[in-house]
C-alpha atoms as a PDB file:
ATOM      1  CA  MET A   1      31.975   5.112  23.131  1.00  0.00           C
ATOM      2  CA  THR A   2      34.843   3.641  24.736  1.00  0.00           C
ATOM      3  CA  ARG A   3      35.302  -0.015  23.857  1.00  0.00           C
ATOM      4  CA  ASP A   4      37.545  -2.725  25.638  1.00  0.00           C
ATOM      5  CA  LYS A   5      40.444  -3.814  23.275  1.00  0.00           C
ATOM      6  CA  ASN A   6      39.670  -7.345  24.028  1.00  0.00           C
ATOM      7  CA  ARG A   7      35.956  -7.053  23.222  1.00  0.00           C
ATOM      8  CA  VAL A   8      34.830  -8.136  19.660  1.00  0.00           C
ATOM      9  CA  ALA A   9      33.716  -5.254  17.605  1.00  0.00           C
ATOM     10  CA  PRO A  10      29.932  -4.393  17.928  1.00  0.00           C
ATOM     11  CA  LYS A  11      27.446  -6.181  15.646  1.00  0.00           C
ATOM     12  CA  VAL A  12      24.905  -3.956  13.624  1.00  0.00           C
ATOM     13  CA  TRP A  13      21.473  -5.281  13.551  1.00  0.00           C
ATOM     14  CA  LEU A  14      18.829  -4.015  11.033  1.00  0.00           C
ATOM     15  CA  ILE A  15      15.486  -4.461  12.747  1.00  0.00           C
ATOM     16  CA  THR A  16      12.277  -4.142  11.451  1.00  0.00           C
ATOM     17  CA  GLY A  17       9.089  -2.992  13.241  1.00  0.00           C
ATOM     18  CA  CYS A  18      11.010  -1.022  16.145  1.00  0.00           C
ATOM     19  CA  SER A  19       8.160   1.306  16.858  1.00  0.00           C
ATOM     20  CA  THR A  20       6.341  -1.349  19.232  1.00  0.00           C
ATOM     21  CA  GLY A  21       6.056  -4.873  20.362  1.00  0.00           C
ATOM     22  CA  PHE A  22       8.837  -7.501  19.564  1.00  0.00           C
ATOM     23  CA  GLY A  23      10.791  -5.223  17.342  1.00  0.00           C
ATOM     24  CA  ARG A  24      11.068  -2.605  20.145  1.00  0.00           C
ATOM     25  CA  ALA A  25      11.963  -5.055  22.572  1.00  0.00           C
ATOM     26  CA  LEU A  26      14.694  -6.708  20.531  1.00  0.00           C
ATOM     27  CA  ALA A  27      16.163  -3.332  19.615  1.00  0.00           C
ATOM     28  CA  GLU A  28      16.286  -2.271  23.486  1.00  0.00           C
ATOM     29  CA  ALA A  29      17.942  -5.731  24.226  1.00  0.00           C
ATOM     30  CA  VAL A  30      20.668  -5.306  21.545  1.00  0.00           C
ATOM     31  CA  LEU A  31      21.359  -1.796  22.344  1.00  0.00           C
ATOM     32  CA  LYS A  32      21.566  -2.692  26.084  1.00  0.00           C
ATOM     33  CA  LYS A  33      24.065  -5.117  25.146  1.00  0.00           C
ATOM     34  CA  GLY A  34      26.208  -2.673  23.429  1.00  0.00           C
ATOM     35  CA  ASP A  35      25.507  -3.558  19.867  1.00  0.00           C
ATOM     36  CA  GLU A  36      24.558  -1.117  17.215  1.00  0.00           C
ATOM     37  CA  VAL A  37      20.943  -0.978  15.554  1.00  0.00           C
ATOM     38  CA  LEU A  38      19.402   0.376  12.487  1.00  0.00           C
ATOM     39  CA  ALA A  39      15.851   0.706  13.910  1.00  0.00           C
ATOM     40  CA  THR A  40      13.157   0.759  10.978  1.00  0.00           C
ATOM     41  CA  ALA A  41       9.501   1.867  11.493  1.00  0.00           C
ATOM     42  CA  ARG A  42       6.854   3.036   9.041  1.00  0.00           C
ATOM     43  CA  GLN A  43       6.772   6.300  11.126  1.00  0.00           C
ATOM     44  CA  PRO A  44      10.415   6.595  12.391  1.00  0.00           C
ATOM     45  CA  GLU A  45       9.313   9.729  14.743  1.00  0.00           C
ATOM     46  CA  GLN A  46       7.947   7.055  16.881  1.00  0.00           C
ATOM     47  CA  LEU A  47      11.414   5.862  17.473  1.00  0.00           C
ATOM     48  CA  ARG A  48      12.637   9.372  18.885  1.00  0.00           C
ATOM     49  CA  ALA A  49      12.938   8.209  22.684  1.00  0.00           C
ATOM     50  CA  LEU A  50      14.962   5.287  21.571  1.00  0.00           C
ATOM     51  CA  ILE A  51      17.454   6.934  19.296  1.00  0.00           C
ATOM     52  CA  GLU A  52      17.886   9.861  22.156  1.00  0.00           C
ATOM     53  CA  HIS A  53      18.589   7.178  24.604  1.00  0.00           C
ATOM     54  CA  TYR A  54      21.216   5.516  22.491  1.00  0.00           C
ATOM     55  CA  PRO A  55      22.549   8.151  20.132  1.00  0.00           C
ATOM     56  CA  GLU A  56      25.932   6.786  19.509  1.00  0.00           C
ATOM     57  CA  THR A  57      24.579   3.320  18.683  1.00  0.00           C
ATOM     58  CA  ALA A  58      20.897   3.587  17.236  1.00  0.00           C
ATOM     59  CA  LYS A  59      19.797   5.146  13.915  1.00  0.00           C
ATOM     60  CA  ALA A  60      16.300   5.357  12.755  1.00  0.00           C
ATOM     61  CA  VAL A  61      15.239   4.805   9.124  1.00  0.00           C
ATOM     62  CA  ARG A  62      11.724   4.821   7.559  1.00  0.00           C
ATOM     63  CA  LEU A  63      10.656   1.495   6.317  1.00  0.00           C
ATOM     64  CA  ASP A  64       7.530   0.096   4.953  1.00  0.00           C
ATOM     65  CA  VAL A  65       8.483  -3.340   3.786  1.00  0.00           C
ATOM     66  CA  THR A  66       5.641  -3.132   1.098  1.00  0.00           C
ATOM     67  CA  LEU A  67       7.494  -0.193  -0.793  1.00  0.00           C
ATOM     68  CA  PRO A  68      10.543  -1.053  -2.901  1.00  0.00           C
ATOM     69  CA  GLN A  69      11.799   2.446  -2.543  1.00  0.00           C
ATOM     70  CA  ASP A  70      11.968   2.120   1.368  1.00  0.00           C
ATOM     71  CA  ILE A  71      13.606  -1.062   1.294  1.00  0.00           C
ATOM     72  CA  GLN A  72      16.345   0.254  -0.811  1.00  0.00           C
ATOM     73  CA  THR A  73      16.680   3.307   1.159  1.00  0.00           C
ATOM     74  CA  ALA A  74      17.016   1.154   4.463  1.00  0.00           C
ATOM     75  CA  VAL A  75      19.711  -1.016   2.816  1.00  0.00           C
ATOM     76  CA  ASP A  76      21.506   2.068   1.420  1.00  0.00           C
ATOM     77  CA  THR A  77      21.761   3.602   4.875  1.00  0.00           C
ATOM     78  CA  ASP A  78      24.594   1.644   6.172  1.00  0.00           C
ATOM     79  CA  ARG A  79      26.271  -0.604   3.454  1.00  0.00           C
ATOM     80  CA  ASN A  80      29.488  -0.575   5.404  1.00  0.00           C
ATOM     81  CA  SER A  81      28.150  -2.360   8.276  1.00  0.00           C
ATOM     82  CA  LYS A  82      27.819  -6.267   8.793  1.00  0.00           C
ATOM     83  CA  VAL A  83      23.988  -6.489   8.988  1.00  0.00           C
ATOM     84  CA  ILE A  84      23.066  -9.529  11.354  1.00  0.00           C
ATOM     85  CA  VAL A  85      19.409  -9.513  11.308  1.00  0.00           C
ATOM     86  CA  GLY A  86      17.332  -8.168   8.485  1.00  0.00           C
END
């Protein structure tokens, strides 16, 4: 993806519940704006269309917030990014 040299680097958002509802709407709005999204859902296969539409800026991760191992995996997925929303 080519970025304008004057544009601030994109933010990386970790958004929960991206399979439907507010989480999905927020993920789509953020991606349309040009930022990056670590999209989470209990069933990440439901995020396929979103990831295919934004292959360079969206990544799907399984996350059930009631399972500590899922939380750790989501956090470990992109430690080098500045997470804006968790």
